[in-house]
Amino acid sequence: MKIRELMSRDVQVVSPGALLQEVAKRMRKRDCGCVLVADNDRLVGMITDRDIAIRAAAELPHPAGMTADQVMSSEILYCCDTDEADAVARNMYLNKVRRLVVLDGQKHLVGVVSLGDITLPVPEQDSFSKLSLVCHPDLIPVMLPSVNHTKN
């Protein structure tokens, strides 16, 4: 199954100067685990709920006044909307991430795919197998194709 059939298209985007509190409120309102950070239509990072918990709340003394660019992950990993779900699951495992930005053939942002997106439409047994890729490297099927895209 192609990622374009599974990805979330309702992507939340904030500016680098957005207050972290507003980012967290947006995540809560939209019930999403990540927000992308863009500067003048150029993707510069991603903030996940884990970034907020680990980088902001646990490491810094005053997270209330922090901005998106202080907490975001600036290394942006992505997949293409034409990639197969199994290849993307393998990519997520290899990079130890739970979400990837999805780009189209012209490298335009078209969505975000999460582990939940990949595992929802398949039978329960397959879901377990795909989720296992993240936690158990010894369970990776050898026949899965490798796809590894990074930001240029």
N, C-alpha and C. Protein backbone atom coordinates (compact mmCIF):
# COMPACT_ATOMS: atom_id res chain seq x y z
N MET A 1 0.84 -1.18 0.00
CA MET A 1 0.00 0.00 0.00
C MET A 1 0.89 1.24 0.00
N LYS A 2 0.54 2.22 -0.79
CA LYS A 2 1.31 3.46 -0.90
C LYS A 2 1.04 4.37 0.30
N ILE A 3 2.07 5.11 0.70
CA ILE A 3 1.96 6.02 1.84
C ILE A 3 0.90 7.09 1.60
N ARG A 4 0.70 7.53 0.37
CA ARG A 4 -0.32 8.57 0.10
C ARG A 4 -1.71 8.12 0.53
N GLU A 5 -1.93 6.80 0.62
CA GLU A 5 -3.22 6.27 1.04
C GLU A 5 -3.35 6.21 2.56
N LEU A 6 -2.25 6.36 3.28
CA LEU A 6 -2.24 6.19 4.73
C LEU A 6 -1.93 7.46 5.51
N MET A 7 -1.25 8.39 4.90
CA MET A 7 -0.72 9.57 5.60
C MET A 7 -1.83 10.51 6.08
N SER A 8 -1.48 11.34 7.02
CA SER A 8 -2.35 12.41 7.48
C SER A 8 -2.05 13.64 6.63
N ARG A 9 -3.08 14.22 6.06
CA ARG A 9 -2.91 15.40 5.21
C ARG A 9 -3.08 16.71 5.99
N ASP A 10 -3.73 16.64 7.12
CA ASP A 10 -3.98 17.83 7.94
C ASP A 10 -2.75 18.12 8.79
N VAL A 11 -1.73 18.70 8.16
CA VAL A 11 -0.45 18.95 8.82
C VAL A 11 -0.48 20.32 9.48
N GLN A 12 -0.05 20.37 10.71
CA GLN A 12 0.03 21.63 11.44
C GLN A 12 1.43 22.22 11.25
N VAL A 13 1.49 23.51 10.92
CA VAL A 13 2.76 24.18 10.67
C VAL A 13 2.78 25.48 11.47
N VAL A 14 3.93 25.73 12.13
CA VAL A 14 4.13 26.97 12.88
C VAL A 14 5.43 27.63 12.44
N SER A 15 5.60 28.87 12.81
CA SER A 15 6.85 29.58 12.51
C SER A 15 7.88 29.26 13.59
N PRO A 16 9.16 29.47 13.31
CA PRO A 16 10.19 29.19 14.32
C PRO A 16 10.02 30.00 15.60
N GLY A 17 9.41 31.17 15.51
CA GLY A 17 9.23 32.02 16.69
C GLY A 17 7.96 31.76 17.47
N ALA A 18 7.18 30.77 17.06
CA ALA A 18 5.93 30.46 17.77
C ALA A 18 6.24 30.03 19.20
N LEU A 19 5.47 30.54 20.14
CA LEU A 19 5.66 30.15 21.53
C LEU A 19 5.33 28.67 21.72
N LEU A 20 6.16 28.00 22.49
CA LEU A 20 6.00 26.58 22.73
C LEU A 20 4.63 26.26 23.34
N GLN A 21 4.15 27.14 24.19
CA GLN A 21 2.84 26.93 24.80
C GLN A 21 1.75 26.90 23.72
N GLU A 22 1.85 27.76 22.72
CA GLU A 22 0.87 27.77 21.63
C GLU A 22 1.00 26.50 20.77
N VAL A 23 2.22 26.04 20.57
CA VAL A 23 2.45 24.80 19.82
C VAL A 23 1.76 23.64 20.56
N ALA A 24 1.97 23.56 21.87
CA ALA A 24 1.37 22.49 22.66
C ALA A 24 -0.15 22.58 22.65
N LYS A 25 -0.69 23.78 22.71
CA LYS A 25 -2.15 23.95 22.66
C LYS A 25 -2.70 23.49 21.32
N ARG A 26 -1.99 23.79 20.24
CA ARG A 26 -2.42 23.37 18.91
C ARG A 26 -2.41 21.85 18.81
N MET A 27 -1.36 21.23 19.36
CA MET A 27 -1.27 19.78 19.34
C MET A 27 -2.43 19.16 20.12
N ARG A 28 -2.76 19.74 21.25
CA ARG A 28 -3.86 19.23 22.06
C ARG A 28 -5.19 19.40 21.32
N LYS A 29 -5.41 20.58 20.75
CA LYS A 29 -6.67 20.86 20.05
C LYS A 29 -6.87 19.93 18.86
N ARG A 30 -5.80 19.67 18.10
CA ARG A 30 -5.88 18.83 16.90
C ARG A 30 -5.65 17.35 17.21
N ASP A 31 -5.32 17.04 18.46
CA ASP A 31 -5.02 15.67 18.87
C ASP A 31 -3.96 15.05 17.95
N CYS A 32 -2.86 15.78 17.80
CA CYS A 32 -1.77 15.29 16.97
C CYS A 32 -0.48 15.27 17.77
N GLY A 33 0.46 14.45 17.36
CA GLY A 33 1.70 14.28 18.09
C GLY A 33 2.87 15.07 17.55
N CYS A 34 2.65 15.82 16.46
CA CYS A 34 3.75 16.63 15.93
C CYS A 34 3.23 17.86 15.20
N VAL A 35 4.09 18.84 15.16
CA VAL A 35 3.85 20.09 14.43
C VAL A 35 5.12 20.38 13.65
N LEU A 36 4.97 20.76 12.38
CA LEU A 36 6.13 21.11 11.57
C LEU A 36 6.45 22.58 11.75
N VAL A 37 7.73 22.92 11.59
CA VAL A 37 8.18 24.30 11.73
C VAL A 37 8.70 24.75 10.38
N ALA A 38 8.14 25.86 9.88
CA ALA A 38 8.54 26.38 8.57
C ALA A 38 8.87 27.86 8.68
N ASP A 39 9.87 28.26 7.91
CA ASP A 39 10.28 29.66 7.85
C ASP A 39 10.15 30.10 6.40
N ASN A 40 9.15 30.96 6.11
CA ASN A 40 8.90 31.42 4.74
C ASN A 40 8.77 30.26 3.76
N ASP A 41 7.88 29.35 4.02
CA ASP A 41 7.61 28.18 3.17
C ASP A 41 8.76 27.19 3.07
N ARG A 42 9.76 27.31 3.90
CA ARG A 42 10.88 26.37 3.93
C ARG A 42 10.80 25.57 5.23
N LEU A 43 10.67 24.27 5.11
CA LEU A 43 10.58 23.41 6.28
C LEU A 43 11.93 23.40 7.01
N VAL A 44 11.91 23.75 8.30
CA VAL A 44 13.17 23.83 9.06
C VAL A 44 13.21 22.89 10.26
N GLY A 45 12.07 22.27 10.59
CA GLY A 45 12.09 21.37 11.74
C GLY A 45 10.75 20.75 12.04
N MET A 46 10.76 19.92 13.08
CA MET A 46 9.55 19.26 13.56
C MET A 46 9.59 19.26 15.08
N ILE A 47 8.45 19.50 15.69
CA ILE A 47 8.32 19.39 17.15
C ILE A 47 7.34 18.27 17.43
N THR A 48 7.77 17.32 18.26
CA THR A 48 6.88 16.24 18.66
C THR A 48 6.50 16.43 20.12
N ASP A 49 5.48 15.70 20.54
CA ASP A 49 5.09 15.74 21.94
C ASP A 49 6.26 15.30 22.83
N ARG A 50 7.08 14.40 22.33
CA ARG A 50 8.26 13.95 23.09
C ARG A 50 9.29 15.07 23.20
N ASP A 51 9.48 15.86 22.14
CA ASP A 51 10.39 17.00 22.21
C ASP A 51 9.97 17.96 23.32
N ILE A 52 8.68 18.20 23.40
CA ILE A 52 8.17 19.12 24.43
C ILE A 52 8.44 18.55 25.82
N ALA A 53 8.16 17.27 26.00
CA ALA A 53 8.36 16.65 27.31
C ALA A 53 9.83 16.54 27.69
N ILE A 54 10.67 16.14 26.76
CA ILE A 54 12.08 15.90 27.08
C ILE A 54 12.93 17.17 27.01
N ARG A 55 12.86 17.86 25.89
CA ARG A 55 13.72 19.03 25.71
C ARG A 55 13.26 20.23 26.52
N ALA A 56 11.97 20.48 26.52
CA ALA A 56 11.48 21.69 27.18
C ALA A 56 11.22 21.48 28.66
N ALA A 57 10.36 20.56 28.99
CA ALA A 57 9.94 20.38 30.38
C ALA A 57 11.04 19.80 31.26
N ALA A 58 11.81 18.85 30.75
CA ALA A 58 12.78 18.17 31.58
C ALA A 58 14.14 18.85 31.65
N GLU A 59 14.54 19.58 30.60
CA GLU A 59 15.89 20.11 30.55
C GLU A 59 16.02 21.61 30.83
N LEU A 60 14.99 22.36 30.56
CA LEU A 60 15.11 23.81 30.65
C LEU A 60 14.28 24.37 31.80
N PRO A 61 14.80 25.40 32.48
CA PRO A 61 14.13 25.90 33.67
C PRO A 61 12.83 26.66 33.42
N HIS A 62 12.66 27.29 32.26
CA HIS A 62 11.47 28.10 32.00
C HIS A 62 10.88 27.82 30.62
N PRO A 63 10.22 26.68 30.46
CA PRO A 63 9.71 26.34 29.13
C PRO A 63 8.58 27.26 28.64
N ALA A 64 7.92 27.98 29.53
CA ALA A 64 6.78 28.81 29.12
C ALA A 64 7.16 29.88 28.10
N GLY A 65 8.35 30.44 28.17
CA GLY A 65 8.75 31.49 27.25
C GLY A 65 9.53 30.99 26.04
N MET A 66 9.66 29.68 25.92
CA MET A 66 10.45 29.12 24.82
C MET A 66 9.70 29.20 23.50
N THR A 67 10.48 29.16 22.42
CA THR A 67 9.90 29.19 21.08
C THR A 67 10.16 27.87 20.36
N ALA A 68 9.45 27.69 19.27
CA ALA A 68 9.53 26.44 18.50
C ALA A 68 10.96 26.10 18.10
N ASP A 69 11.72 27.10 17.65
CA ASP A 69 13.08 26.81 17.17
C ASP A 69 14.02 26.37 18.28
N GLN A 70 13.66 26.60 19.54
CA GLN A 70 14.51 26.16 20.65
C GLN A 70 14.29 24.69 21.00
N VAL A 71 13.21 24.12 20.55
CA VAL A 71 12.85 22.76 20.94
C VAL A 71 12.80 21.80 19.76
N MET A 72 12.62 22.31 18.57
CA MET A 72 12.41 21.46 17.39
C MET A 72 13.62 20.59 17.07
N SER A 73 13.35 19.50 16.38
CA SER A 73 14.39 18.68 15.80
C SER A 73 14.62 19.24 14.40
N SER A 74 15.84 19.64 14.10
CA SER A 74 16.09 20.27 12.81
C SER A 74 16.47 19.27 11.71
N GLU A 75 16.82 18.05 12.09
CA GLU A 75 17.06 17.03 11.07
C GLU A 75 15.70 16.48 10.65
N ILE A 76 15.35 16.70 9.40
CA ILE A 76 14.03 16.31 8.91
C ILE A 76 14.17 15.07 8.03
N LEU A 77 13.62 13.98 8.51
CA LEU A 77 13.60 12.75 7.73
C LEU A 77 12.27 12.70 7.01
N TYR A 78 12.28 12.14 5.80
CA TYR A 78 11.04 12.12 5.03
C TYR A 78 10.94 10.86 4.19
N CYS A 79 9.75 10.66 3.68
CA CYS A 79 9.50 9.61 2.71
C CYS A 79 8.71 10.25 1.57
N CYS A 80 8.52 9.51 0.51
CA CYS A 80 7.76 10.01 -0.64
C CYS A 80 6.36 9.40 -0.61
N ASP A 81 5.41 10.14 -1.13
CA ASP A 81 4.03 9.66 -1.11
C ASP A 81 3.84 8.40 -1.95
N THR A 82 4.78 8.08 -2.80
CA THR A 82 4.70 6.88 -3.62
C THR A 82 5.41 5.67 -3.00
N ASP A 83 6.07 5.87 -1.86
CA ASP A 83 6.75 4.76 -1.19
C ASP A 83 5.73 3.76 -0.64
N GLU A 84 6.14 2.50 -0.58
CA GLU A 84 5.31 1.45 0.00
C GLU A 84 5.39 1.50 1.52
N ALA A 85 4.29 1.16 2.18
CA ALA A 85 4.21 1.21 3.64
C ALA A 85 5.28 0.36 4.31
N ASP A 86 5.56 -0.83 3.77
CA ASP A 86 6.58 -1.70 4.38
C ASP A 86 7.96 -1.05 4.34
N ALA A 87 8.27 -0.39 3.24
CA ALA A 87 9.57 0.28 3.12
C ALA A 87 9.65 1.45 4.09
N VAL A 88 8.57 2.17 4.25
CA VAL A 88 8.55 3.31 5.19
C VAL A 88 8.67 2.81 6.63
N ALA A 89 7.99 1.71 6.95
CA ALA A 89 8.11 1.13 8.29
C ALA A 89 9.55 0.76 8.59
N ARG A 90 10.23 0.20 7.60
CA ARG A 90 11.64 -0.16 7.78
C ARG A 90 12.49 1.10 7.97
N ASN A 91 12.22 2.14 7.19
CA ASN A 91 12.93 3.41 7.31
C ASN A 91 12.74 3.99 8.71
N MET A 92 11.51 3.93 9.23
CA MET A 92 11.24 4.45 10.57
C MET A 92 12.03 3.66 11.61
N TYR A 93 12.06 2.34 11.44
CA TYR A 93 12.84 1.52 12.36
C TYR A 93 14.33 1.89 12.31
N LEU A 94 14.88 1.94 11.12
CA LEU A 94 16.32 2.21 10.97
C LEU A 94 16.71 3.57 11.55
N ASN A 95 15.81 4.53 11.46
CA ASN A 95 16.10 5.88 11.97
C ASN A 95 15.54 6.12 13.36
N LYS A 96 14.89 5.12 13.95
CA LYS A 96 14.33 5.20 15.30
C LYS A 96 13.40 6.40 15.46
N VAL A 97 12.48 6.55 14.50
CA VAL A 97 11.48 7.64 14.56
C VAL A 97 10.09 7.06 14.44
N ARG A 98 9.12 7.81 14.92
CA ARG A 98 7.73 7.37 14.88
C ARG A 98 6.91 8.13 13.84
N ARG A 99 7.52 9.18 13.26
CA ARG A 99 6.83 10.00 12.26
C ARG A 99 7.80 10.42 11.17
N LEU A 100 7.28 10.53 9.95
CA LEU A 100 8.07 11.04 8.84
C LEU A 100 7.24 12.07 8.07
N VAL A 101 7.91 13.10 7.60
CA VAL A 101 7.30 14.05 6.69
C VAL A 101 7.11 13.32 5.36
N VAL A 102 6.02 13.63 4.65
CA VAL A 102 5.75 13.01 3.35
C VAL A 102 5.81 14.09 2.28
N LEU A 103 6.65 13.83 1.25
CA LEU A 103 6.81 14.76 0.14
C LEU A 103 6.31 14.11 -1.14
N ASP A 104 5.87 14.95 -2.09
CA ASP A 104 5.48 14.42 -3.39
C ASP A 104 6.69 14.41 -4.32
N GLY A 105 6.49 14.10 -5.58
CA GLY A 105 7.58 14.00 -6.55
C GLY A 105 8.33 15.29 -6.78
N GLN A 106 7.70 16.43 -6.50
CA GLN A 106 8.35 17.74 -6.66
C GLN A 106 8.93 18.24 -5.33
N LYS A 107 9.00 17.35 -4.33
CA LYS A 107 9.53 17.67 -2.99
C LYS A 107 8.67 18.70 -2.25
N HIS A 108 7.36 18.70 -2.54
CA HIS A 108 6.43 19.55 -1.80
C HIS A 108 5.83 18.75 -0.65
N LEU A 109 5.64 19.42 0.47
CA LEU A 109 5.03 18.79 1.63
C LEU A 109 3.58 18.42 1.31
N VAL A 110 3.24 17.15 1.53
CA VAL A 110 1.86 16.71 1.30
C VAL A 110 1.25 16.03 2.53
N GLY A 111 2.07 15.75 3.55
CA GLY A 111 1.51 15.12 4.74
C GLY A 111 2.57 14.66 5.71
N VAL A 112 2.09 13.94 6.72
CA VAL A 112 2.95 13.31 7.73
C VAL A 112 2.42 11.90 7.92
N VAL A 113 3.31 10.94 8.06
CA VAL A 113 2.90 9.57 8.32
C VAL A 113 3.48 9.14 9.66
N SER A 114 2.66 8.47 10.45
CA SER A 114 3.09 7.98 11.75
C SER A 114 2.97 6.46 11.79
N LEU A 115 3.53 5.86 12.82
CA LEU A 115 3.38 4.41 12.98
C LEU A 115 1.91 4.03 13.02
N GLY A 116 1.10 4.85 13.67
CA GLY A 116 -0.33 4.58 13.74
C GLY A 116 -0.97 4.57 12.38
N ASP A 117 -0.56 5.48 11.50
CA ASP A 117 -1.11 5.51 10.14
C ASP A 117 -0.78 4.23 9.39
N ILE A 118 0.42 3.74 9.57
CA ILE A 118 0.88 2.56 8.84
C ILE A 118 0.19 1.30 9.35
N THR A 119 -0.07 1.22 10.63
CA THR A 119 -0.60 -0.02 11.19
C THR A 119 -2.12 -0.10 11.20
N LEU A 120 -2.83 0.99 11.10
CA LEU A 120 -4.29 0.95 11.20
C LEU A 120 -4.99 0.14 10.12
N PRO A 121 -4.66 0.29 8.83
CA PRO A 121 -5.46 -0.36 7.80
C PRO A 121 -5.15 -1.83 7.53
N VAL A 122 -4.20 -2.40 8.25
CA VAL A 122 -3.84 -3.79 7.96
C VAL A 122 -4.38 -4.72 9.04
N PRO A 123 -4.49 -6.01 8.76
CA PRO A 123 -4.98 -6.96 9.76
C PRO A 123 -4.13 -6.93 11.02
N GLU A 124 -4.73 -7.33 12.12
CA GLU A 124 -4.08 -7.25 13.43
C GLU A 124 -2.72 -7.92 13.47
N GLN A 125 -2.56 -9.05 12.86
CA GLN A 125 -1.28 -9.75 12.87
C GLN A 125 -0.20 -8.92 12.17
N ASP A 126 -0.52 -8.32 11.03
CA ASP A 126 0.43 -7.47 10.34
C ASP A 126 0.78 -6.24 11.17
N SER A 127 -0.20 -5.68 11.87
CA SER A 127 0.04 -4.51 12.71
C SER A 127 1.11 -4.80 13.74
N PHE A 128 1.00 -5.96 14.39
CA PHE A 128 1.99 -6.33 15.38
C PHE A 128 3.36 -6.43 14.75
N SER A 129 3.43 -7.04 13.58
CA SER A 129 4.72 -7.20 12.90
C SER A 129 5.36 -5.86 12.60
N LYS A 130 4.56 -4.91 12.08
CA LYS A 130 5.12 -3.61 11.72
C LYS A 130 5.53 -2.81 12.94
N LEU A 131 4.74 -2.87 14.00
CA LEU A 131 5.12 -2.16 15.22
C LEU A 131 6.36 -2.79 15.84
N SER A 132 6.51 -4.09 15.69
CA SER A 132 7.68 -4.77 16.23
C SER A 132 8.97 -4.28 15.59
N LEU A 133 8.90 -3.77 14.36
CA LEU A 133 10.09 -3.27 13.70
C LEU A 133 10.78 -2.18 14.51
N VAL A 134 10.00 -1.37 15.21
CA VAL A 134 10.55 -0.25 15.97
C VAL A 134 11.31 -0.73 17.19
N CYS A 135 10.78 -1.75 17.85
CA CYS A 135 11.35 -2.17 19.13
C CYS A 135 12.24 -3.41 19.08
N HIS A 136 12.08 -4.22 18.05
CA HIS A 136 12.79 -5.49 18.01
C HIS A 136 13.52 -5.68 16.69
N PRO A 137 14.78 -5.26 16.62
CA PRO A 137 15.51 -5.36 15.35
C PRO A 137 15.64 -6.78 14.83
N ASP A 138 15.62 -7.76 15.70
CA ASP A 138 15.76 -9.14 15.26
C ASP A 138 14.53 -9.65 14.52
N LEU A 139 13.43 -8.88 14.54
CA LEU A 139 12.21 -9.29 13.85
C LEU A 139 12.04 -8.66 12.48
N ILE A 140 13.01 -7.85 12.02
CA ILE A 140 12.88 -7.20 10.72
C ILE A 140 12.92 -8.26 9.62
N PRO A 141 11.88 -8.34 8.81
CA PRO A 141 11.92 -9.28 7.69
C PRO A 141 12.98 -8.85 6.68
N VAL A 142 13.77 -9.77 6.22
CA VAL A 142 14.86 -9.48 5.29
C VAL A 142 14.32 -8.98 3.95
N MET A 143 13.12 -9.40 3.58
CA MET A 143 12.59 -9.05 2.26
C MET A 143 12.07 -7.63 2.15
N LEU A 144 12.00 -6.86 3.23
CA LEU A 144 11.52 -5.49 3.13
C LEU A 144 12.52 -4.64 2.38
N PRO A 145 12.07 -3.87 1.39
CA PRO A 145 12.98 -2.99 0.66
C PRO A 145 13.43 -1.84 1.55
N SER A 146 14.60 -1.36 1.31
CA SER A 146 15.15 -0.26 2.10
C SER A 146 14.89 1.07 1.39
N VAL A 147 14.34 2.02 2.13
CA VAL A 147 14.14 3.38 1.64
C VAL A 147 14.67 4.30 2.71
N ASN A 148 15.56 5.19 2.35
CA ASN A 148 16.12 6.09 3.34
C ASN A 148 16.27 7.47 2.73
N HIS A 149 15.32 8.34 2.99
CA HIS A 149 15.36 9.70 2.47
C HIS A 149 15.76 10.64 3.60
N THR A 150 16.58 11.60 3.31
CA THR A 150 16.89 12.65 4.26
C THR A 150 16.81 13.98 3.55
N LYS A 151 16.66 15.02 4.35
CA LYS A 151 16.56 16.37 3.80
C LYS A 151 17.85 16.75 3.08
N ASN A 152 17.71 17.37 1.94
CA ASN A 152 18.90 17.84 1.20
C ASN A 152 19.15 19.28 1.48
